[in-house]
Protein backbone atom coordinates (compact mmCIF):
# COMPACT_ATOMS: atom_id res chain seq x y z
CA MET A 1 224.27 261.82 136.10
CA TYR A 2 222.37 258.39 136.30
CA ILE A 3 225.24 256.44 137.83
CA PRO A 4 225.94 258.69 140.77
CA THR A 5 222.26 259.13 141.64
CA SER A 6 221.80 255.43 141.38
CA VAL A 7 224.79 254.74 143.72
CA MET A 8 223.34 257.40 146.05
CA PHE A 9 219.95 255.65 146.18
CA PHE A 10 221.58 252.29 146.34
CA VAL A 11 223.57 253.25 149.54
CA TYR A 12 220.42 254.98 151.09
CA TRP A 13 218.17 252.01 150.58
CA ILE A 14 220.87 249.39 152.06
CA ILE A 15 221.42 251.70 155.20
CA LEU A 16 217.85 252.43 156.06
CA GLU A 17 216.28 249.12 155.07
CA HIS A 18 218.71 246.87 156.78
CA LYS A 19 218.78 249.19 160.04
CA THR A 20 215.17 249.83 160.25
CA GLY A 21 213.38 247.82 157.48
CA GLN A 22 211.94 251.05 156.21
CA THR A 23 212.94 254.19 154.19
CA ILE A 24 211.09 257.64 154.44
CA GLY A 25 208.77 256.53 151.86
CA LYS A 26 207.92 253.23 153.40
CA LYS A 27 207.15 254.96 156.58
CA MET A 28 204.79 257.22 154.88
CA PHE A 29 202.87 254.42 153.34
CA ASN A 30 203.22 252.03 156.45
CA LEU A 31 205.31 249.46 154.41
CA LYS A 32 208.29 247.51 155.70
CA ILE A 33 210.88 245.15 154.13
CA VAL A 34 211.21 241.65 155.77
CA ASN A 35 212.59 238.29 155.06
CA ASN A 36 210.36 235.55 153.45
CA SER A 37 209.39 234.37 156.98
CA GLY A 38 208.61 237.76 158.37
CA GLY A 39 211.89 238.64 160.20
CA LYS A 40 214.57 241.23 159.77
CA PRO A 41 216.02 240.82 156.30
CA SER A 42 219.77 239.80 155.79
CA LEU A 43 222.15 242.36 154.59
CA ILE A 44 222.84 240.41 151.38
CA GLY A 45 218.93 240.12 150.78
CA VAL A 46 218.55 244.18 151.16
CA ILE A 47 221.63 244.67 148.98
CA ILE A 48 220.17 242.39 146.16
CA SER A 49 216.75 244.11 146.48
CA SER A 50 218.30 247.50 146.55
CA PHE A 51 220.31 246.82 143.43
CA GLY A 52 217.15 245.95 141.33
CA LYS A 53 215.53 249.24 142.43
CA SER A 54 218.82 251.43 141.94
CA PHE A 55 219.97 250.23 138.64
CA ILE A 56 217.42 248.27 136.67
CA LEU A 57 213.96 248.95 138.08
CA PRO A 58 212.22 249.15 134.71
CA ILE A 59 213.39 245.66 133.85
CA ASP A 60 212.94 244.35 137.30
CA THR A 61 209.24 245.57 137.30
CA VAL A 62 208.50 244.33 133.95
CA LEU A 63 209.91 241.00 134.75
CA GLY A 64 208.04 240.94 138.01
CA LEU A 65 204.77 241.46 136.20
CA VAL A 66 205.39 238.79 133.75
CA ILE A 67 206.90 236.17 135.99
CA THR A 68 204.62 236.94 139.26
CA ASN A 69 204.05 234.84 142.01
CA GLU A 70 201.44 234.84 144.79
CA LYS A 71 203.43 237.27 146.83
CA ARG A 72 203.71 239.76 144.12
CA GLN A 73 207.35 240.16 144.42
CA ARG A 74 209.80 241.96 142.13
CA VAL A 75 212.52 239.81 140.70
CA PHE A 76 215.26 241.14 142.99
CA ASN A 77 212.97 240.67 146.01
CA ARG A 78 212.61 237.13 145.22
CA LEU A 79 216.34 236.71 144.40
CA GLY A 80 217.08 238.36 148.00
CA ASN A 81 214.32 236.44 149.74
CA THR A 82 212.52 239.73 150.82
CA LEU A 83 208.95 240.95 150.97
CA ILE A 84 207.33 244.31 151.39
CA ILE A 85 204.46 243.98 153.84
CA LYS A 86 202.02 246.63 155.02
CA ILE A 87 201.99 247.45 158.67
CA LYS A 88 198.48 247.86 160.31
CA SER A 89 197.93 248.80 163.82
CA SER A 90 195.98 246.46 166.01
CA GLU A 91 192.67 248.06 167.38
CA ASP A 92 192.92 246.26 170.68
CA ASN A 93 196.36 247.80 171.73
CA SER A 94 199.16 250.21 170.62
CA ASP A 95 201.41 247.54 169.48
CA LEU A 96 201.92 247.17 165.64
CA LYS A 97 200.79 244.05 164.03
CA TYR A 98 202.66 242.78 160.83
CA ILE A 99 200.33 241.68 158.06
CA LYS A 100 201.59 240.06 154.84
CA ASP A 101 199.60 241.73 151.87
């Protein structure tokens, strides 16, 4: 049961994060996946990041806590050159402003 569920989430994350930068959960918490320079992540980067979440999240999380960096990235986010950022709305206009956490 673990493999089919992991594959389903893997495909879900790849499609939504590459297309929009957000999944349903990321939209709820005003988060977005971007590349290290703040732009749209590459398909390969999203695949690498999603693989870590889908199949080996406990290991990825523990290693990320032990081998952390100033950006607080999981290991597979580092390998895929991706970041998770918080989206905050600007008070002076209705445009969205992207701020790295």
